[in-house]
Each structure stands twice: as C-alpha cells, then as structure tokens.
C-alpha cells in the first residue's frame, strides 16, 4: 500500500468513496446528481472539498480508501466557487450548505480538524488512513458529523458521541493522539533434517529445517506473539490452534492475518527488534530477511544473530530461538 493525495487521476474513484459513506445525507443536501457535484467539487477544489486536504490509500493503482479533512481555515473563504457547479441551485442548496457549515464551526478551534469523509474497502483500511493521518499531523482533536448508520463504525474507532447537530447528523469527537506500548515474543523450534529452513519468510540454504506444525519460522512466530500480547491479549496458539490449521501452514500467512486483526483494533507496529540464537551462520541473510519483514509489517525491523557461545541449548545445531520486542502505536 502507498499513500497519496486526491489528484486528477484518482478523484473520480475518491468521489465514490466519499459519496457512498454518507449517500443519503449528500442526496438530501444536493438533491440531484450529488455524486457528480462531489466529483466537480473535488476537481475544482471547492471548499471544503480541497484535494490537498486528503489522504488516499492505493495499491497497484487501485484506490482502497480516502480520508478527506478540513482545518478551520478551509471553511472560511472562496464559497463563491460553488456557483460554478451549482448554478441557480446555489440559492437553495447554498442556504443548506451555509447552515451545515455554521453548525460545524461551533466549538471548532484552530487546533481541531474536521473529517468530511473516512471511507475504505474495510475497517482495516480506514484505520490505516486514520493512523497515517494522526501520525503526520498535529491537531489536538478530530471532529466528524455522522448519520445514524455510521455511529457504530466511528465508535469502533474510539470516537465519542457528543451531540446532535440536526435531525440528520450527530457530532462525534476523538482526541488526536497515539498511545505507545511494547510487546515481547519468544519462540524455539528444534532442528530436524528433511525440512526447508524458513526464517523471516525467507528460504535459507541450510540442509535442515525446523520441526513444528507450521513451517517453523521462529522469527515470524516471535513477532506474532509480541504483537498479539499487547493488542488482542492473546498468543499465536489461540488464533492458530494446531487442531484447526493445516500442517505446514505458512507463518507469513499467519502474520498477515494477525496484522489485519490488530489493525482493525487500531494497533500498528512502529518498530521491531529481534534476536536470533543459533550457531548456524545467518549474517549473509540479514538484509534479505529484514527487508522482507519490513515489507510485511510496514515498519523498521532490526535483526541480531547470537551463537550463545556454546552454553545455550541451541548449541550444536539443536534448535533455533527468536526473541522479539515490538513497539506498537494504538490510536
């Protein structure tokens, strides 16, 4: 995934997300052709639908979600531009719009920000957008006005219901801050002949592998446990019991499922530090493993390899152990 702003190439797809989130309300506000009006408002950057005040999640050129926001100054000027797309309708629609904006500006300080739309293909994408937005801005409070059907979605994302704006919209607020927490993970698997050694999702040329119900990737297993403990208060065995998952299951597949699950609860890895204990030489694989893990977890991952100096149980190629500390942000 990558994050961009609304632009002339993606604005139509972004308009669909924005319109569909509050379809009934936009239909009420603009009466006819609400989607077309939103499209044009984005294209011509008519306040508060300003392209620059956006965050778009894309993957392989496909728009997965969009966050459109407005600081207080985005509501203050250039409303004459609405005539360009509303024509004579501005007399009726403009009054409604002015009333809505008047309500928005009540108790709205320069330290606040207003979310016009936060819409994605699923809640994990919406959390990704919100996390990236909070991480790159310094507002103290986030305001959003939602219709009744969106209450549960925003409550799930830790917004608090504040008051009714009118008979169609409910004001919700959230402090724009992140909490930091750390999780510890550990895993050991015995070395056996006849299996492929996989560490950090990378196949290692070793002539042996690690015994286990899964592919035995101790690095990924330790990362999974470090993430789960402080987010969902569970461990890898709870989410992937041996009685219910196929033998030889990919640890990378499990990590992807875990990341999706914790993202949906508002948890995001910030950095991960791993120690691997083995007397098998792995230094030449450090960069490849680290880069592969960083692509998966989307944060820096460091690796250290230790032999245990012949006194640890892992000596003489008996086993490989991984210990991991993950620093995690929750929003």
Protein backbone atom coordinates (compact mmCIF):
# COMPACT_ATOMS: atom_id res chain seq x y z
CA UNK A 1 0.00 0.00 0.00
CA UNK A 2 1.06 3.58 -0.59
CA UNK A 3 -0.49 6.89 0.42
CA UNK A 4 -1.07 9.85 -1.89
CA UNK A 5 -3.40 12.83 -2.14
CA UNK A 6 -6.50 13.19 -4.30
CA UNK A 7 -5.42 14.20 -7.79
CA UNK A 8 -6.80 14.49 -11.33
CA UNK A 9 -6.10 10.79 -11.96
CA UNK A 10 -7.90 9.35 -8.92
CA UNK A 11 -10.53 11.97 -7.99
CA UNK A 12 -13.45 10.05 -9.54
CA UNK A 13 -12.67 6.90 -7.54
CA UNK A 14 -12.19 9.02 -4.42
CA UNK A 15 -15.53 10.76 -5.01
CA UNK A 16 -17.25 7.34 -4.99
CA UNK A 17 -15.87 6.56 -1.53
CA UNK A 18 -16.80 10.00 -0.20
CA UNK A 19 -20.31 9.91 -1.65
CA UNK A 20 -21.09 6.32 -0.63
CA UNK A 21 -20.15 6.84 3.01
CA UNK A 22 -22.93 9.43 3.51
CA UNK A 23 -25.02 8.82 0.40
CA UNK A 24 -28.41 9.62 1.97
CA UNK A 25 -27.13 12.83 3.50
CA UNK A 26 -25.42 14.08 0.32
CA UNK A 27 -28.59 13.27 -1.65
CA UNK A 28 -30.56 15.39 0.82
CA UNK A 29 -28.03 18.22 0.71
CA UNK A 30 -27.55 18.44 -3.06
CA UNK A 31 -30.91 16.94 -4.12
CA UNK A 32 -29.99 15.77 -7.65
CA UNK A 33 -26.70 14.44 -9.01
CA UNK A 34 -24.98 14.56 -5.59
CA UNK A 35 -22.19 12.27 -6.78
CA UNK A 36 -21.48 14.49 -9.82
CA UNK A 37 -21.43 17.57 -7.60
CA UNK A 38 -18.91 15.97 -5.22
CA UNK A 39 -16.78 14.95 -8.21
CA UNK A 40 -16.72 18.51 -9.54
CA UNK A 41 -16.13 19.99 -6.09
CA UNK A 42 -13.01 17.82 -5.79
CA UNK A 43 -11.83 18.54 -9.33
CA UNK A 44 -12.12 22.32 -8.87
CA UNK A 45 -11.03 22.21 -5.19
CA UNK A 46 -14.13 23.98 -3.93
CA UNK A 47 -14.02 24.47 -0.15
CA UNK A 48 -14.13 22.39 1.93
CA UNK A 49 -13.59 19.65 -0.73
CA UNK A 50 -9.91 20.55 -1.22
CA UNK A 51 -7.67 18.00 -2.94
CA UNK A 52 -4.65 18.95 -0.85
CA UNK A 53 -6.52 18.14 2.37
CA UNK A 54 -6.73 14.44 1.69
CA UNK A 55 -5.07 11.08 2.21
CA UNK A 56 -5.68 8.28 -0.28
CA UNK A 57 -4.72 4.64 0.22
CA UNK A 58 -3.75 2.95 -3.04
CA UNK A 59 -2.42 -0.45 -4.05
CA UNK A 60 -1.25 -1.23 -7.59
CA UNK A 61 -3.05 1.90 -8.81
CA UNK A 62 -6.38 0.93 -7.19
CA UNK A 63 -7.94 3.29 -4.65
CA UNK A 64 -8.69 1.36 -1.43
CA UNK A 65 -9.92 4.26 0.67
CA UNK A 66 -9.86 8.00 1.22
CA UNK A 67 -9.75 10.43 4.13
CA UNK A 68 -10.88 13.97 3.29
CA UNK A 69 -10.37 16.55 6.02
CA UNK A 70 -10.65 20.28 6.61
CA UNK A 71 -8.93 22.50 9.18
CA UNK A 72 -10.88 25.56 10.30
CA UNK A 73 -9.44 27.89 7.65
CA UNK A 74 -10.76 25.62 4.86
CA UNK A 75 -14.30 26.71 5.79
CA UNK A 76 -13.64 30.45 5.74
CA UNK A 77 -13.45 31.59 2.12
CA UNK A 78 -13.99 31.05 -1.61
CA UNK A 79 -17.58 29.84 -1.33
CA UNK A 80 -18.44 31.83 -4.44
CA UNK A 81 -16.82 28.94 -6.36
CA UNK A 82 -19.93 26.84 -5.61
CA UNK A 83 -21.82 28.91 -8.20
CA UNK A 84 -19.57 27.30 -10.82
CA UNK A 85 -21.06 23.85 -10.26
CA UNK A 86 -24.45 24.59 -8.65
CA UNK A 87 -25.62 27.43 -10.86
CA UNK A 88 -29.05 28.68 -9.76
CA UNK A 89 -29.31 25.75 -7.32
CA UNK A 90 -26.88 27.65 -5.13
CA UNK A 91 -29.84 29.72 -3.85
CA UNK A 92 -31.45 26.67 -2.20
CA UNK A 93 -28.54 24.31 -1.70
CA UNK A 94 -26.27 27.15 -0.70
CA UNK A 95 -28.53 28.01 2.23
CA UNK A 96 -28.43 24.41 3.43
CA UNK A 97 -24.67 24.31 3.00
CA UNK A 98 -24.21 27.57 4.89
CA UNK A 99 -26.34 26.22 7.74
CA UNK A 100 -24.32 22.99 7.92
CA UNK A 101 -21.02 24.88 7.88
CA UNK A 102 -22.30 27.21 10.59
CA UNK A 103 -23.01 24.18 12.79
CA UNK A 104 -19.59 22.69 12.01
CA UNK A 105 -17.79 25.86 13.07
CA UNK A 106 -19.40 25.87 16.52
CA UNK A 107 -16.78 24.87 19.14
CA UNK A 108 -14.24 24.38 16.33
CA UNK A 109 -10.81 25.75 17.26
CA UNK A 110 -7.72 26.19 15.10
CA UNK A 111 -6.25 23.14 16.88
CA UNK A 112 -9.13 20.95 15.67
CA UNK A 113 -9.65 19.22 12.34
CA UNK A 114 -12.89 18.13 10.69
CA UNK A 115 -13.19 14.84 8.80
CA UNK A 116 -15.54 15.19 5.84
CA UNK A 117 -15.19 11.52 4.93
CA UNK A 118 -13.28 8.47 6.12
CA UNK A 119 -14.18 5.60 3.85
CA UNK A 120 -12.38 2.44 2.76
CA UNK A 121 -12.99 -1.05 1.43
CA UNK A 122 -12.95 -2.35 5.01
CA UNK A 123 -12.33 -1.00 8.51
CA UNK A 124 -8.65 -2.01 8.47
CA UNK A 125 -8.10 0.37 5.53
CA UNK A 126 -10.00 3.11 7.38
CA UNK A 127 -7.81 2.54 10.44
CA UNK A 128 -4.69 2.70 8.22
CA UNK A 129 -5.85 6.06 6.86
CA UNK A 130 -6.64 7.41 10.32
CA UNK A 131 -3.32 6.16 11.74
CA UNK A 132 -1.29 7.73 8.91
CA UNK A 133 -3.25 10.96 9.23
CA UNK A 134 -2.74 11.25 13.01
CA UNK A 135 0.92 10.26 12.64
CA UNK A 136 1.60 13.08 10.16
CA UNK A 137 -0.44 15.93 11.69
CA UNK A 138 -0.51 17.75 14.99
CA UNK A 139 -4.18 18.52 15.64
CA UNK A 140 -5.49 18.14 19.18
CA UNK A 141 -8.98 16.92 18.34
CA UNK A 142 -10.80 15.32 15.41
CA UNK A 143 -14.44 16.22 14.68
CA UNK A 144 -16.81 14.30 12.44
CA UNK A 145 -20.56 14.53 11.80
CA UNK A 146 -22.15 11.19 11.00
CA UNK A 147 -25.51 9.76 10.09
CA UNK A 148 -27.16 7.20 12.36
CA UNK A 149 -25.90 4.23 10.33
CA UNK A 150 -22.26 5.31 10.83
CA UNK A 151 -22.38 5.58 14.63
CA UNK A 152 -21.09 2.07 15.31
CA UNK A 153 -18.26 2.39 12.80
CA UNK A 154 -16.89 5.52 14.44
CA UNK A 155 -17.49 4.19 17.96
CA UNK A 156 -15.38 1.16 16.99
CA UNK A 157 -12.64 3.64 16.06
CA UNK A 158 -12.89 5.22 19.54
CA UNK A 159 -14.84 8.33 18.57
CA UNK A 160 -17.19 9.61 21.27
CA UNK A 161 -20.75 10.70 20.60
CA UNK A 162 -21.04 14.35 21.59
CA UNK A 163 -24.34 15.90 20.42
CA UNK A 164 -26.94 16.05 17.69
CA UNK A 165 -26.16 18.68 15.05
CA UNK A 166 -29.61 18.44 13.45
CA UNK A 167 -32.17 15.74 12.70
CA UNK A 168 -29.74 14.04 10.29
CA UNK A 169 -26.23 14.43 11.74
CA UNK A 170 -24.55 13.51 15.03
CA UNK A 171 -21.28 15.14 16.14
CA UNK A 172 -18.53 12.76 17.25
CA UNK A 173 -15.07 13.64 18.52
CA UNK A 174 -11.75 11.94 19.17
CA UNK A 175 -8.50 13.14 20.70
CA UNK A 176 -5.82 13.15 18.02
CA UNK A 177 -3.15 11.31 19.94
CA UNK A 178 -1.36 7.99 19.89
CA UNK A 179 -0.52 5.63 22.73
CA UNK A 180 2.74 3.69 22.75
CA UNK A 181 3.12 0.16 24.07
CA UNK A 182 5.65 -2.66 23.77
CA UNK A 183 5.22 -6.40 23.39
CA UNK A 184 7.60 -9.33 23.90
CA UNK A 185 7.60 -12.51 21.80
CA UNK A 186 9.69 -15.68 22.03
CA UNK A 187 9.80 -18.97 20.16
CA UNK A 188 12.07 -22.01 19.88
CA UNK A 189 11.93 -24.90 17.41
CA UNK A 190 14.23 -27.95 17.25
CA UNK A 191 16.34 -28.50 14.15
CA UNK A 192 15.48 -31.57 12.03
CA UNK A 193 16.67 -33.00 8.76
CA UNK A 194 14.41 -33.17 5.73
CA UNK A 195 12.69 -29.78 6.11
CA UNK A 196 13.26 -26.39 4.46
CA UNK A 197 14.64 -23.77 6.84
CA UNK A 198 12.49 -20.63 6.64
CA UNK A 199 13.29 -17.55 8.71
CA UNK A 200 11.51 -14.23 8.36
CA UNK A 201 9.68 -15.64 5.35
CA UNK A 202 12.97 -16.31 3.51
CA UNK A 203 14.16 -19.78 2.44
CA UNK A 204 17.62 -20.45 3.89
CA UNK A 205 20.09 -22.83 2.23
CA UNK A 206 20.92 -24.93 5.29
CA UNK A 207 20.30 -28.62 4.60
CA UNK A 208 17.89 -28.79 7.56
CA UNK A 209 14.75 -27.11 8.83
CA UNK A 210 12.75 -26.54 12.00
CA UNK A 211 10.28 -29.03 13.40
CA UNK A 212 6.75 -27.82 14.06
CA UNK A 213 3.13 -27.96 12.96
CA UNK A 214 3.68 -24.89 10.75
CA UNK A 215 6.74 -24.13 8.61
CA UNK A 216 8.57 -23.45 11.90
CA UNK A 217 9.56 -19.84 11.20
CA UNK A 218 10.64 -18.83 14.71
CA UNK A 219 11.31 -15.19 13.77
CA UNK A 220 7.80 -14.64 12.45
CA UNK A 221 6.29 -16.58 15.38
CA UNK A 222 8.07 -14.37 17.91
CA UNK A 223 6.92 -11.24 16.06
CA UNK A 224 3.32 -12.51 16.04
CA UNK A 225 3.36 -13.12 19.81
CA UNK A 226 4.94 -9.73 20.50
CA UNK A 227 2.12 -8.04 18.55
CA UNK A 228 -0.76 -10.10 19.91
CA UNK A 229 0.12 -9.87 23.59
CA UNK A 230 -0.36 -6.09 23.91
CA UNK A 231 -3.12 -5.70 21.34
CA UNK A 232 -5.59 -8.58 21.50
CA UNK A 233 -4.15 -10.09 24.73
CA UNK A 234 -3.77 -13.46 23.03
CA UNK A 235 -0.97 -15.62 21.67
CA UNK A 236 -0.30 -17.46 18.43
CA UNK A 237 -1.77 -20.72 19.75
CA UNK A 238 -5.15 -19.11 20.45
CA UNK A 239 -5.52 -17.69 16.94
CA UNK A 240 -3.96 -20.67 15.15
CA UNK A 241 -4.56 -23.86 17.19
CA UNK A 242 -2.82 -26.92 15.77
CA UNK A 243 -6.14 -28.80 15.70
CA UNK A 244 -7.64 -26.26 13.30
CA UNK A 245 -4.88 -25.13 10.96
CA UNK A 246 -3.28 -27.31 8.25
CA UNK A 247 0.13 -28.81 8.87
CA UNK A 248 2.92 -26.82 7.24
CA UNK A 249 0.89 -23.57 7.25
CA UNK A 250 2.91 -20.52 6.19
CA UNK A 251 3.99 -18.33 9.10
CA UNK A 252 3.94 -15.29 6.79
CA UNK A 253 0.27 -16.03 6.05
CA UNK A 254 -0.39 -16.10 9.82
CA UNK A 255 1.46 -12.80 10.27
CA UNK A 256 -0.65 -11.16 7.55
CA UNK A 257 -3.83 -12.35 9.30
CA UNK A 258 -2.57 -11.05 12.65
CA UNK A 259 -1.64 -7.66 11.21
CA UNK A 260 -5.10 -7.33 9.69
CA UNK A 261 -6.71 -8.30 13.02
CA UNK A 262 -4.73 -5.82 15.14
CA UNK A 263 -5.08 -3.03 12.55
CA UNK A 264 -8.85 -3.44 12.83
CA UNK A 265 -8.46 -2.67 16.57
CA UNK A 266 -6.30 0.39 15.91
CA UNK A 267 -2.83 -1.10 16.60
CA UNK A 268 0.15 -0.51 14.28
CA UNK A 269 3.78 -1.69 14.63
CA UNK A 270 6.22 1.22 14.93
CA UNK A 271 9.48 -0.73 15.04
CA UNK A 272 10.53 -4.31 15.74
CA UNK A 273 13.80 -5.64 17.19
CA UNK A 274 14.69 -9.33 17.02
CA UNK A 275 17.47 -11.51 18.46
CA UNK A 276 18.03 -14.92 16.84
CA UNK A 277 20.05 -17.53 18.76
CA UNK A 278 21.75 -20.23 16.68
CA UNK A 279 25.29 -21.37 15.87
CA UNK A 280 24.33 -21.59 12.18
CA UNK A 281 25.77 -18.60 10.34
CA UNK A 282 22.94 -16.29 9.15
CA UNK A 283 24.73 -12.95 8.73
CA UNK A 284 24.57 -13.06 4.91
CA UNK A 285 20.77 -13.28 5.10
CA UNK A 286 20.29 -10.32 7.46
CA UNK A 287 19.34 -7.69 4.86
CA UNK A 288 17.07 -10.01 2.88
CA UNK A 289 15.15 -11.16 5.96
CA UNK A 290 14.90 -7.64 7.36
CA UNK A 291 13.63 -6.16 4.08
CA UNK A 292 11.06 -8.92 3.66
CA UNK A 293 9.74 -8.40 7.19
CA UNK A 294 9.63 -4.61 6.75
CA UNK A 295 7.54 -5.07 3.62
CA UNK A 296 5.08 -7.20 5.63
CA UNK A 297 4.80 -5.16 8.83
CA UNK A 298 5.44 -1.73 7.22
CA UNK A 299 7.89 -0.53 9.87
CA UNK A 300 11.65 -0.84 10.56
CA UNK A 301 12.82 -4.34 11.60
CA UNK A 302 16.29 -4.98 13.06
CA UNK A 303 17.94 -8.40 13.43
CA UNK A 304 20.81 -9.59 15.62
CA UNK A 305 22.29 -13.09 15.43
CA UNK A 306 23.86 -14.68 18.52
CA UNK A 307 25.55 -18.05 18.99
CA UNK A 308 25.20 -18.30 22.77
CA UNK A 309 28.94 -19.03 22.96
CA UNK A 310 28.36 -22.77 23.25
CA UNK A 311 26.43 -22.64 26.53
CA UNK A 312 22.86 -22.10 25.29
CA UNK A 313 20.54 -25.04 24.49
CA UNK A 314 20.68 -24.01 20.80
CA UNK A 315 24.36 -25.07 20.54
CA UNK A 316 25.47 -27.83 18.18
CA UNK A 317 22.52 -27.10 15.85
CA UNK A 318 19.99 -28.42 18.38
CA UNK A 319 17.46 -25.61 17.86
CA UNK A 320 16.90 -22.01 16.82
CA UNK A 321 15.36 -19.43 19.14
CA UNK A 322 13.99 -15.97 18.30
CA UNK A 323 13.17 -13.25 20.82
CA UNK A 324 11.39 -10.14 19.65
CA UNK A 325 10.33 -6.78 21.09
CA UNK A 326 7.73 -4.80 19.14
CA UNK A 327 6.93 -1.16 19.80
CA UNK A 328 3.32 -0.54 18.85
CA UNK A 329 1.16 2.55 18.41
CA UNK A 330 -2.55 2.49 19.19
CA UNK A 331 -4.98 5.20 18.09
